[in-house]
PDB file of N, CA and C in Angstrom:
ATOM      1  N   MET A   1       0.844  -1.169   0.000  1.00  0.00           N
ATOM      2  CA  MET A   1       0.000   0.000   0.000  1.00  0.00           C
ATOM      3  C   MET A   1       0.893   1.237   0.000  1.00  0.00           C
ATOM      4  N   THR A   2       0.608   2.159  -0.863  1.00  0.00           N
ATOM      5  CA  THR A   2       1.426   3.367  -0.980  1.00  0.00           C
ATOM      6  C   THR A   2       1.068   4.359   0.122  1.00  0.00           C
ATOM      7  N   ASN A   3       1.946   5.335   0.343  1.00  0.00           N
ATOM      8  CA  ASN A   3       1.680   6.379   1.332  1.00  0.00           C
ATOM      9  C   ASN A   3       0.446   7.188   0.966  1.00  0.00           C
ATOM     10  N   ILE A   4       0.215   7.401  -0.325  1.00  0.00           N
ATOM     11  CA  ILE A   4      -0.970   8.144  -0.774  1.00  0.00           C
ATOM     12  C   ILE A   4      -2.241   7.368  -0.423  1.00  0.00           C
ATOM     13  N   GLU A   5      -2.219   6.053  -0.623  1.00  0.00           N
ATOM     14  CA  GLU A   5      -3.374   5.228  -0.267  1.00  0.00           C
ATOM     15  C   GLU A   5      -3.608   5.249   1.247  1.00  0.00           C
ATOM     16  N   LYS A   6      -2.544   5.245   2.026  1.00  0.00           N
ATOM     17  CA  LYS A   6      -2.669   5.296   3.480  1.00  0.00           C
ATOM     18  C   LYS A   6      -3.274   6.614   3.948  1.00  0.00           C
ATOM     19  N   MET A   7      -2.988   7.693   3.233  1.00  0.00           N
ATOM     20  CA  MET A   7      -3.522   8.989   3.604  1.00  0.00           C
ATOM     21  C   MET A   7      -5.047   9.005   3.535  1.00  0.00           C
ATOM     22  N   ASN A   8      -5.628   8.134   2.719  1.00  0.00           N
ATOM     23  CA  ASN A   8      -7.075   8.074   2.581  1.00  0.00           C
ATOM     24  C   ASN A   8      -7.740   7.196   3.644  1.00  0.00           C
ATOM     25  N   LEU A   9      -6.939   6.520   4.461  1.00  0.00           N
ATOM     26  CA  LEU A   9      -7.487   5.677   5.509  1.00  0.00           C
ATOM     27  C   LEU A   9      -7.701   6.479   6.783  1.00  0.00           C
ATOM     28  N   LEU A  10      -8.744   6.160   7.500  1.00  0.00           N
ATOM     29  CA  LEU A  10      -8.968   6.755   8.806  1.00  0.00           C
ATOM     30  C   LEU A  10      -8.223   5.934   9.850  1.00  0.00           C
ATOM     31  N   GLU A  11      -7.639   6.631  10.801  1.00  0.00           N
ATOM     32  CA  GLU A  11      -6.928   5.930  11.870  1.00  0.00           C
ATOM     33  C   GLU A  11      -7.930   5.193  12.747  1.00  0.00           C
ATOM     34  N   TYR A  12      -7.650   3.936  13.006  1.00  0.00           N
ATOM     35  CA  TYR A  12      -8.501   3.107  13.857  1.00  0.00           C
ATOM     36  C   TYR A  12      -8.276   3.519  15.305  1.00  0.00           C
ATOM     37  N   ARG A  13      -9.326   3.951  15.980  1.00  0.00           N
ATOM     38  CA  ARG A  13      -9.221   4.395  17.372  1.00  0.00           C
ATOM     39  C   ARG A  13      -9.653   3.273  18.302  1.00  0.00           C
ATOM     40  N   ASP A  14      -8.817   2.970  19.265  1.00  0.00           N
ATOM     41  CA  ASP A  14      -9.091   1.896  20.210  1.00  0.00           C
ATOM     42  C   ASP A  14      -9.484   2.460  21.572  1.00  0.00           C
ATOM     43  N   LEU A  15     -10.553   1.934  22.133  1.00  0.00           N
ATOM     44  CA  LEU A  15     -10.966   2.333  23.472  1.00  0.00           C
ATOM     45  C   LEU A  15     -10.286   1.492  24.545  1.00  0.00           C
ATOM     46  N   THR A  16      -9.546   0.467  24.121  1.00  0.00           N
ATOM     47  CA  THR A  16      -8.928  -0.466  25.071  1.00  0.00           C
ATOM     48  C   THR A  16      -7.408  -0.389  25.064  1.00  0.00           C
ATOM     49  N   ASP A  17      -6.849   0.698  24.601  1.00  0.00           N
ATOM     50  CA  ASP A  17      -5.390   0.842  24.511  1.00  0.00           C
ATOM     51  C   ASP A  17      -4.862   1.459  25.812  1.00  0.00           C
ATOM     52  N   PHE A  18      -4.740   0.620  26.840  1.00  0.00           N
ATOM     53  CA  PHE A  18      -4.351   1.091  28.160  1.00  0.00           C
ATOM     54  C   PHE A  18      -2.862   0.892  28.411  1.00  0.00           C
ATOM     55  N   PRO A  19      -2.229   1.816  29.145  1.00  0.00           N
ATOM     56  CA  PRO A  19      -0.819   1.625  29.506  1.00  0.00           C
ATOM     57  C   PRO A  19      -0.713   0.544  30.586  1.00  0.00           C
ATOM     58  N   PRO A  20       0.467  -0.048  30.750  1.00  0.00           N
ATOM     59  CA  PRO A  20       0.620  -1.107  31.752  1.00  0.00           C
ATOM     60  C   PRO A  20       0.538  -0.565  33.177  1.00  0.00           C
ATOM     61  N   ILE A  21      -0.277  -1.221  34.000  1.00  0.00           N
ATOM     62  CA  ILE A  21      -0.340  -0.878  35.426  1.00  0.00           C
ATOM     63  C   ILE A  21      -0.191  -2.131  36.298  1.00  0.00           C
ATOM     64  N   ARG A  22      -0.196  -3.311  35.675  1.00  0.00           N
ATOM     65  CA  ARG A  22      -0.055  -4.572  36.405  1.00  0.00           C
ATOM     66  C   ARG A  22       1.079  -5.388  35.777  1.00  0.00           C
ATOM     67  N   TYR A  23       1.453  -6.440  36.486  1.00  0.00           N
ATOM     68  CA  TYR A  23       2.502  -7.329  35.982  1.00  0.00           C
ATOM     69  C   TYR A  23       2.110  -7.896  34.614  1.00  0.00           C
ATOM     70  N   LEU A  24       0.880  -8.382  34.493  1.00  0.00           N
ATOM     71  CA  LEU A  24       0.341  -8.842  33.211  1.00  0.00           C
ATOM     72  C   LEU A  24      -1.122  -8.438  33.151  1.00  0.00           C
ATOM     73  N   GLN A  25      -1.496  -7.753  32.088  1.00  0.00           N
ATOM     74  CA  GLN A  25      -2.894  -7.354  31.945  1.00  0.00           C
ATOM     75  C   GLN A  25      -3.358  -7.575  30.517  1.00  0.00           C
ATOM     76  N   ILE A  26      -4.578  -8.059  30.400  1.00  0.00           N
ATOM     77  CA  ILE A  26      -5.227  -8.242  29.107  1.00  0.00           C
ATOM     78  C   ILE A  26      -6.095  -7.015  28.871  1.00  0.00           C
ATOM     79  N   ASN A  27      -5.786  -6.252  27.844  1.00  0.00           N
ATOM     80  CA  ASN A  27      -6.569  -5.061  27.530  1.00  0.00           C
ATOM     81  C   ASN A  27      -7.805  -5.377  26.698  1.00  0.00           C
ATOM     82  N   ASN A  28      -7.715  -6.409  25.862  1.00  0.00           N
ATOM     83  CA  ASN A  28      -8.827  -6.761  24.981  1.00  0.00           C
ATOM     84  C   ASN A  28      -8.502  -8.110  24.356  1.00  0.00           C
ATOM     85  N   CYS A  29      -9.530  -8.923  24.152  1.00  0.00           N
ATOM     86  CA  CYS A  29      -9.322 -10.194  23.472  1.00  0.00           C
ATOM     87  C   CYS A  29     -10.648 -10.644  22.874  1.00  0.00           C
ATOM     88  N   GLY A  30     -10.559 -11.566  21.927  1.00  0.00           N
ATOM     89  CA  GLY A  30     -11.787 -12.057  21.334  1.00  0.00           C
ATOM     90  C   GLY A  30     -11.557 -12.835  20.060  1.00  0.00           C
ATOM     91  N   MET A  31     -12.660 -13.041  19.349  1.00  0.00           N
ATOM     92  CA  MET A  31     -12.670 -13.757  18.079  1.00  0.00           C
ATOM     93  C   MET A  31     -13.556 -12.954  17.124  1.00  0.00           C
ATOM     94  N   LYS A  32     -13.138 -12.856  15.868  1.00  0.00           N
ATOM     95  CA  LYS A  32     -13.916 -12.134  14.859  1.00  0.00           C
ATOM     96  C   LYS A  32     -13.910 -12.895  13.549  1.00  0.00           C
ATOM     97  N   ASN A  33     -15.013 -12.769  12.825  1.00  0.00           N
ATOM     98  CA  ASN A  33     -15.141 -13.299  11.465  1.00  0.00           C
ATOM     99  C   ASN A  33     -15.255 -12.123  10.509  1.00  0.00           C
ATOM    100  N   TYR A  34     -14.521 -12.153   9.422  1.00  0.00           N
ATOM    101  CA  TYR A  34     -14.572 -11.098   8.409  1.00  0.00           C
ATOM    102  C   TYR A  34     -14.915 -11.712   7.062  1.00  0.00           C
ATOM    103  N   PHE A  35     -16.072 -12.325   6.941  1.00  0.00           N
ATOM    104  CA  PHE A  35     -16.426 -12.982   5.683  1.00  0.00           C
ATOM    105  C   PHE A  35     -17.528 -12.261   4.922  1.00  0.00           C
ATOM    106  N   GLN A  36     -18.115 -11.215   5.492  1.00  0.00           N
ATOM    107  CA  GLN A  36     -19.192 -10.523   4.799  1.00  0.00           C
ATOM    108  C   GLN A  36     -18.751  -9.251   4.087  1.00  0.00           C
ATOM    109  N   ARG A  37     -17.667  -8.634   4.574  1.00  0.00           N
ATOM    110  CA  ARG A  37     -17.196  -7.393   3.946  1.00  0.00           C
ATOM    111  C   ARG A  37     -15.719  -7.186   4.231  1.00  0.00           C
ATOM    112  N   ASP A  38     -15.094  -6.354   3.423  1.00  0.00           N
ATOM    113  CA  ASP A  38     -13.694  -6.002   3.632  1.00  0.00           C
ATOM    114  C   ASP A  38     -13.589  -5.050   4.824  1.00  0.00           C
ATOM    115  N   TYR A  39     -12.483  -5.150   5.544  1.00  0.00           N
ATOM    116  CA  TYR A  39     -12.290  -4.329   6.735  1.00  0.00           C
ATOM    117  C   TYR A  39     -10.800  -4.056   6.904  1.00  0.00           C
ATOM    118  N   THR A  40     -10.450  -2.798   7.156  1.00  0.00           N
ATOM    119  CA  THR A  40      -9.045  -2.409   7.324  1.00  0.00           C
ATOM    120  C   THR A  40      -8.847  -1.781   8.695  1.00  0.00           C
ATOM    121  N   ILE A  41      -7.789  -2.191   9.356  1.00  0.00           N
ATOM    122  CA  ILE A  41      -7.359  -1.561  10.605  1.00  0.00           C
ATOM    123  C   ILE A  41      -6.048  -0.840  10.301  1.00  0.00           C
ATOM    124  N   PHE A  42      -6.040   0.459  10.545  1.00  0.00           N
ATOM    125  CA  PHE A  42      -4.853   1.278  10.303  1.00  0.00           C
ATOM    126  C   PHE A  42      -4.535   2.029  11.586  1.00  0.00           C
ATOM    127  N   ARG A  43      -3.395   1.702  12.168  1.00  0.00           N
ATOM    128  CA  ARG A  43      -2.918   2.370  13.376  1.00  0.00           C
ATOM    129  C   ARG A  43      -1.522   2.918  13.057  1.00  0.00           C
ATOM    130  N   PRO A  44      -1.431   4.136  12.568  1.00  0.00           N
ATOM    131  CA  PRO A  44      -0.131   4.668  12.140  1.00  0.00           C
ATOM    132  C   PRO A  44       0.883   4.798  13.275  1.00  0.00           C
ATOM    133  N   HIS A  45       0.411   4.844  14.509  1.00  0.00           N
ATOM    134  CA  HIS A  45       1.318   4.957  15.657  1.00  0.00           C
ATOM    135  C   HIS A  45       1.297   3.695  16.513  1.00  0.00           C
ATOM    136  N   GLY A  46       0.615   2.675  16.049  1.00  0.00           N
ATOM    137  CA  GLY A  46       0.521   1.435  16.803  1.00  0.00           C
ATOM    138  C   GLY A  46      -0.364   1.588  18.025  1.00  0.00           C
ATOM    139  N   ARG A  47      -0.126   0.729  18.998  1.00  0.00           N
ATOM    140  CA  ARG A  47      -0.815   0.779  20.281  1.00  0.00           C
ATOM    141  C   ARG A  47       0.229   0.754  21.385  1.00  0.00           C
ATOM    142  N   LYS A  48      -0.212   0.996  22.627  1.00  0.00           N
ATOM    143  CA  LYS A  48       0.703   0.971  23.765  1.00  0.00           C
ATOM    144  C   LYS A  48       1.022  -0.457  24.199  1.00  0.00           C
ATOM    145  N   ASP A  49       0.215  -1.415  23.738  1.00  0.00           N
ATOM    146  CA  ASP A  49       0.365  -2.800  24.173  1.00  0.00           C
ATOM    147  C   ASP A  49       0.808  -3.702  23.026  1.00  0.00           C
ATOM    148  N   TYR A  50       0.974  -4.973  23.339  1.00  0.00           N
ATOM    149  CA  TYR A  50       1.285  -5.993  22.341  1.00  0.00           C
ATOM    150  C   TYR A  50      -0.017  -6.479  21.726  1.00  0.00           C
ATOM    151  N   TYR A  51       0.034  -6.868  20.456  1.00  0.00           N
ATOM    152  CA  TYR A  51      -1.147  -7.352  19.748  1.00  0.00           C
ATOM    153  C   TYR A  51      -0.779  -8.682  19.105  1.00  0.00           C
ATOM    154  N   LEU A  52      -1.427  -9.739  19.561  1.00  0.00           N
ATOM    155  CA  LEU A  52      -1.205 -11.072  19.041  1.00  0.00           C
ATOM    156  C   LEU A  52      -2.469 -11.497  18.308  1.00  0.00           C
ATOM    157  N   VAL A  53      -2.327 -11.844  17.027  1.00  0.00           N
ATOM    158  CA  VAL A  53      -3.495 -12.226  16.224  1.00  0.00           C
ATOM    159  C   VAL A  53      -3.204 -13.551  15.521  1.00  0.00           C
ATOM    160  N   TYR A  54      -4.166 -14.469  15.613  1.00  0.00           N
ATOM    161  CA  TYR A  54      -4.028 -15.810  15.058  1.00  0.00           C
ATOM    162  C   TYR A  54      -5.084 -16.029  13.984  1.00  0.00           C
ATOM    163  N   ALA A  55      -4.665 -16.462  12.811  1.00  0.00           N
ATOM    164  CA  ALA A  55      -5.584 -16.764  11.710  1.00  0.00           C
ATOM    165  C   ALA A  55      -6.064 -18.210  11.872  1.00  0.00           C
ATOM    166  N   ALA A  56      -7.266 -18.375  12.401  1.00  0.00           N
ATOM    167  CA  ALA A  56      -7.817 -19.714  12.600  1.00  0.00           C
ATOM    168  C   ALA A  56      -8.342 -20.297  11.286  1.00  0.00           C
ATOM    169  N   LEU A  57      -8.934 -19.440  10.470  1.00  0.00           N
ATOM    170  CA  LEU A  57      -9.455 -19.829   9.155  1.00  0.00           C
ATOM    171  C   LEU A  57      -9.151 -18.724   8.149  1.00  0.00           C
ATOM    172  N   GLY A  58      -9.041 -19.079   6.896  1.00  0.00           N
ATOM    173  CA  GLY A  58      -8.857 -18.090   5.828  1.00  0.00           C
ATOM    174  C   GLY A  58      -7.498 -17.416   5.872  1.00  0.00           C
ATOM    175  N   TRP A  59      -7.467 -16.164   5.433  1.00  0.00           N
ATOM    176  CA  TRP A  59      -6.227 -15.394   5.395  1.00  0.00           C
ATOM    177  C   TRP A  59      -6.537 -13.907   5.489  1.00  0.00           C
ATOM    178  N   PHE A  60      -5.513 -13.126   5.839  1.00  0.00           N
ATOM    179  CA  PHE A  60      -5.588 -11.664   5.824  1.00  0.00           C
ATOM    180  C   PHE A  60      -4.206 -11.134   5.487  1.00  0.00           C
ATOM    181  N   ASP A  61      -4.122  -9.839   5.221  1.00  0.00           N
ATOM    182  CA  ASP A  61      -2.851  -9.224   4.833  1.00  0.00           C
ATOM    183  C   ASP A  61      -2.423  -8.197   5.868  1.00  0.00           C
ATOM    184  N   ILE A  62      -1.099  -8.118   6.095  1.00  0.00           N
ATOM    185  CA  ILE A  62      -0.530  -7.095   6.965  1.00  0.00           C
ATOM    186  C   ILE A  62       0.606  -6.408   6.229  1.00  0.00           C
ATOM    187  N   GLU A  63       0.898  -5.187   6.655  1.00  0.00           N
ATOM    188  CA  GLU A  63       2.077  -4.523   6.116  1.00  0.00           C
ATOM    189  C   GLU A  63       3.269  -4.881   6.989  1.00  0.00           C
ATOM    190  N   TYR A  64       4.335  -5.366   6.332  1.00  0.00           N
ATOM    191  CA  TYR A  64       5.560  -5.746   7.024  1.00  0.00           C
ATOM    192  C   TYR A  64       6.740  -5.260   6.199  1.00  0.00           C
ATOM    193  N   ASN A  65       7.587  -4.437   6.798  1.00  0.00           N
ATOM    194  CA  ASN A  65       8.743  -3.862   6.094  1.00  0.00           C
ATOM    195  C   ASN A  65       8.344  -3.171   4.801  1.00  0.00           C
ATOM    196  N   GLY A  66       7.221  -2.465   4.828  1.00  0.00           N
ATOM    197  CA  GLY A  66       6.788  -1.687   3.669  1.00  0.00           C
ATOM    198  C   GLY A  66       6.085  -2.471   2.589  1.00  0.00           C
ATOM    199  N   GLU A  67       5.880  -3.773   2.791  1.00  0.00           N
ATOM    200  CA  GLU A  67       5.205  -4.598   1.788  1.00  0.00           C
ATOM    201  C   GLU A  67       4.014  -5.316   2.424  1.00  0.00           C
ATOM    202  N   MET A  68       2.998  -5.580   1.624  1.00  0.00           N
ATOM    203  CA  MET A  68       1.850  -6.338   2.102  1.00  0.00           C
ATOM    204  C   MET A  68       2.201  -7.826   2.064  1.00  0.00           C
ATOM    205  N   VAL A  69       1.957  -8.505   3.179  1.00  0.00           N
ATOM    206  CA  VAL A  69       2.290  -9.919   3.342  1.00  0.00           C
ATOM    207  C   VAL A  69       1.022 -10.672   3.734  1.00  0.00           C
ATOM    208  N   ARG A  70       0.812 -11.801   3.123  1.00  0.00           N
ATOM    209  CA  ARG A  70      -0.356 -12.637   3.419  1.00  0.00           C
ATOM    210  C   ARG A  70      -0.108 -13.470   4.667  1.00  0.00           C
ATOM    211  N   VAL A  71      -1.097 -13.478   5.566  1.00  0.00           N
ATOM    212  CA  VAL A  71      -1.059 -14.296   6.773  1.00  0.00           C
ATOM    213  C   VAL A  71      -2.092 -15.394   6.584  1.00  0.00           C
ATOM    214  N   ASP A  72      -1.621 -16.621   6.424  1.00  0.00           N
ATOM    215  CA  ASP A  72      -2.491 -17.762   6.135  1.00  0.00           C
ATOM    216  C   ASP A  72      -2.983 -18.445   7.401  1.00  0.00           C
ATOM    217  N   ARG A  73      -3.991 -19.279   7.212  1.00  0.00           N
ATOM    218  CA  ARG A  73      -4.570 -20.087   8.278  1.00  0.00           C
ATOM    219  C   ARG A  73      -3.460 -20.807   9.067  1.00  0.00           C
ATOM    220  N   GLY A  74      -3.599 -20.783  10.392  1.00  0.00           N
ATOM    221  CA  GLY A  74      -2.630 -21.453  11.252  1.00  0.00           C
ATOM    222  C   GLY A  74      -1.436 -20.598  11.622  1.00  0.00           C
ATOM    223  N   THR A  75      -1.418 -19.353  11.174  1.00  0.00           N
ATOM    224  CA  THR A  75      -0.286 -18.462  11.433  1.00  0.00           C
ATOM    225  C   THR A  75      -0.660 -17.433  12.494  1.00  0.00           C
ATOM    226  N   CYS A  76       0.328 -17.106  13.316  1.00  0.00           N
ATOM    227  CA  CYS A  76       0.156 -16.127  14.381  1.00  0.00           C
ATOM    228  C   CYS A  76       1.103 -14.956  14.119  1.00  0.00           C
ATOM    229  N   VAL A  77       0.624 -13.742  14.331  1.00  0.00           N
ATOM    230  CA  VAL A  77       1.431 -12.536  14.129  1.00  0.00           C
ATOM    231  C   VAL A  77       1.395 -11.720  15.416  1.00  0.00           C
ATOM    232  N   MET A  78       2.551 -11.170  15.794  1.00  0.00           N
ATOM    233  CA  MET A  78       2.598 -10.318  16.978  1.00  0.00           C
ATOM    234  C   MET A  78       3.129  -8.945  16.605  1.00  0.00           C
ATOM    235  N   PHE A  79       2.382  -7.926  16.984  1.00  0.00           N
ATOM    236  CA  PHE A  79       2.799  -6.541  16.792  1.00  0.00           C
ATOM    237  C   PHE A  79       3.318  -6.012  18.121  1.00  0.00           C
ATOM    238  N   MET A  80       4.465  -5.398  18.086  1.00  0.00           N
ATOM    239  CA  MET A  80       5.076  -4.819  19.278  1.00  0.00           C
ATOM    240  C   MET A  80       4.428  -3.462  19.575  1.00  0.00           C
ATOM    241  N   PRO A  81       4.566  -2.954  20.809  1.00  0.00           N
ATOM    242  CA  PRO A  81       4.011  -1.639  21.134  1.00  0.00           C
ATOM    243  C   PRO A  81       4.614  -0.527  20.281  1.00  0.00           C
ATOM    244  N   ASP A  82       3.795   0.453  19.971  1.00  0.00           N
ATOM    245  CA  ASP A  82       4.207   1.673  19.258  1.00  0.00           C
ATOM    246  C   ASP A  82       4.726   1.438  17.850  1.00  0.00           C
ATOM    247  N   VAL A  83       4.404   0.296  17.262  1.00  0.00           N
ATOM    248  CA  VAL A  83       4.793  -0.014  15.885  1.00  0.00           C
ATOM    249  C   VAL A  83       3.566   0.170  14.999  1.00  0.00           C
ATOM    250  N   PRO A  84       3.674   0.919  13.893  1.00  0.00           N
ATOM    251  CA  PRO A  84       2.522   1.105  13.010  1.00  0.00           C
ATOM    252  C   PRO A  84       1.913  -0.228  12.571  1.00  0.00           C
ATOM    253  N   GLN A  85       0.592  -0.244  12.445  1.00  0.00           N
ATOM    254  CA  GLN A  85      -0.126  -1.460  12.064  1.00  0.00           C
ATOM    255  C   GLN A  85      -1.082  -1.170  10.920  1.00  0.00           C
ATOM    256  N   LEU A  86      -0.973  -1.960   9.876  1.00  0.00           N
ATOM    257  CA  LEU A  86      -1.931  -1.930   8.775  1.00  0.00           C
ATOM    258  C   LEU A  86      -2.344  -3.378   8.519  1.00  0.00           C
ATOM    259  N   ILE A  87      -3.620  -3.656   8.751  1.00  0.00           N
ATOM    260  CA  ILE A  87      -4.149  -5.012   8.618  1.00  0.00           C
ATOM    261  C   ILE A  87      -5.380  -4.935   7.722  1.00  0.00           C
ATOM    262  N   GLN A  88      -5.401  -5.768   6.682  1.00  0.00           N
ATOM    263  CA  GLN A  88      -6.530  -5.778   5.753  1.00  0.00           C
ATOM    264  C   GLN A  88      -7.192  -7.153   5.773  1.00  0.00           C
ATOM    265  N   PHE A  89      -8.448  -7.155   6.203  1.00  0.00           N
ATOM    266  CA  PHE A  89      -9.260  -8.358   6.184  1.00  0.00           C
ATOM    267  C   PHE A  89     -10.182  -8.252   4.982  1.00  0.00           C
ATOM    268  N   SER A  90     -10.267  -9.301   4.181  1.00  0.00           N
ATOM    269  CA  SER A  90     -11.132  -9.245   3.005  1.00  0.00           C
ATOM    270  C   SER A  90     -12.177 -10.346   3.078  1.00  0.00           C
ATOM    271  N   ALA A  91     -13.329 -10.068   2.507  1.00  0.00           N
ATOM    272  CA  ALA A  91     -14.389 -11.075   2.425  1.00  0.00           C
ATOM    273  C   ALA A  91     -13.898 -12.272   1.619  1.00  0.00           C
ATOM    274  N   GLU A  92     -13.064 -12.019   0.627  1.00  0.00           N
ATOM    275  CA  GLU A  92     -12.507 -13.098  -0.195  1.00  0.00           C
ATOM    276  C   GLU A  92     -11.671 -14.069   0.648  1.00  0.00           C
ATOM    277  N   GLY A  93     -10.875 -13.534   1.568  1.00  0.00           N
ATOM    278  CA  GLY A  93     -10.045 -14.372   2.431  1.00  0.00           C
ATOM    279  C   GLY A  93     -10.838 -15.062   3.529  1.00  0.00           C
ATOM    280  N   ALA A  94     -12.036 -14.537   3.819  1.00  0.00           N
ATOM    281  CA  ALA A  94     -12.945 -15.088   4.832  1.00  0.00           C
ATOM    282  C   ALA A  94     -12.227 -15.478   6.124  1.00  0.00           C
ATOM    283  N   PRO A  95     -11.451 -14.544   6.704  1.00  0.00           N
ATOM    284  CA  PRO A  95     -10.700 -14.920   7.890  1.00  0.00           C
ATOM    285  C   PRO A  95     -11.553 -14.988   9.156  1.00  0.00           C
ATOM    286  N   THR A  96     -11.225 -15.946   9.982  1.00  0.00           N
ATOM    287  CA  THR A  96     -11.676 -15.997  11.365  1.00  0.00           C
ATOM    288  C   THR A  96     -10.418 -15.853  12.198  1.00  0.00           C
ATOM    289  N   ILE A  97     -10.414 -14.852  13.064  1.00  0.00           N
ATOM    290  CA  ILE A  97      -9.211 -14.585  13.853  1.00  0.00           C
ATOM    291  C   ILE A  97      -9.512 -14.653  15.348  1.00  0.00           C
ATOM    292  N   PHE A  98      -8.495 -15.013  16.094  1.00  0.00           N
ATOM    293  CA  PHE A  98      -8.490 -14.885  17.548  1.00  0.00           C
ATOM    294  C   PHE A  98      -7.405 -13.870  17.855  1.00  0.00           C
ATOM    295  N   TYR A  99      -7.674 -12.974  18.809  1.00  0.00           N
ATOM    296  CA  TYR A  99      -6.702 -11.927  19.093  1.00  0.00           C
ATOM    297  C   TYR A  99      -6.664 -11.606  20.577  1.00  0.00           C
ATOM    298  N   VAL A 100      -5.541 -11.055  20.991  1.00  0.00           N
ATOM    299  CA  VAL A 100      -5.391 -10.566  22.346  1.00  0.00           C
ATOM    300  C   VAL A 100      -4.461  -9.343  22.335  1.00  0.00           C
ATOM    301  N   HIS A 101      -4.864  -8.310  23.046  1.00  0.00           N
ATOM    302  CA  HIS A 101      -4.026  -7.139  23.289  1.00  0.00           C
ATOM    303  C   HIS A 101      -3.601  -7.243  24.754  1.00  0.00           C
ATOM    304  N   PHE A 102      -2.292  -7.310  25.003  1.00  0.00           N
ATOM    305  CA  PHE A 102      -1.828  -7.481  26.371  1.00  0.00           C
ATOM    306  C   PHE A 102      -0.606  -6.614  26.634  1.00  0.00           C
ATOM    307  N   THR A 103      -0.356  -6.368  27.903  1.00  0.00           N
ATOM    308  CA  THR A 103       0.786  -5.562  28.310  1.00  0.00           C
ATOM    309  C   THR A 103       1.141  -5.938  29.746  1.00  0.00           C
ATOM    310  N   GLY A 104       2.057  -5.235  30.313  1.00  0.00           N
ATOM    311  CA  GLY A 104       2.433  -5.483  31.703  1.00  0.00           C
ATOM    312  C   GLY A 104       3.711  -4.772  32.046  1.00  0.00           C
ATOM    313  N   LYS A 105       4.065  -4.857  33.317  1.00  0.00           N
ATOM    314  CA  LYS A 105       5.327  -4.251  33.748  1.00  0.00           C
ATOM    315  C   LYS A 105       5.873  -5.028  34.928  1.00  0.00           C
ATOM    316  N   ALA A 106       7.175  -5.075  35.012  1.00  0.00           N
ATOM    317  CA  ALA A 106       7.845  -5.758  36.120  1.00  0.00           C
ATOM    318  C   ALA A 106       7.981  -4.792  37.278  1.00  0.00           C
ATOM    319  N   TYR A 107       7.841  -5.301  38.457  1.00  0.00           N
ATOM    320  CA  TYR A 107       7.941  -4.455  39.655  1.00  0.00           C
ATOM    321  C   TYR A 107       9.306  -4.563  40.270  1.00  0.00           C
TER     322      TYR A 107
END
């Protein structure tokens, strides 16, 4: 995806992007199906926490090192804090994903 194309995307705002206050905390987790419509998550500044996403069925695309990369069924991807995220779910790929946003701090 080019920088011009990214400029047309709205930044995805998260209500669950909390800073670490416990040794281990789950900020958000769940399962989603994206088989009825295309959906893009664009976080140009990333999140404060870690994001682990597992492709249980189908496939989706992520931006990695400036290129779009396909994430196939059975693959897990982890985004580090404060790293830009571009994730494209398509109805064609019919992905079912499991995800968790987590963080923590050592005392």
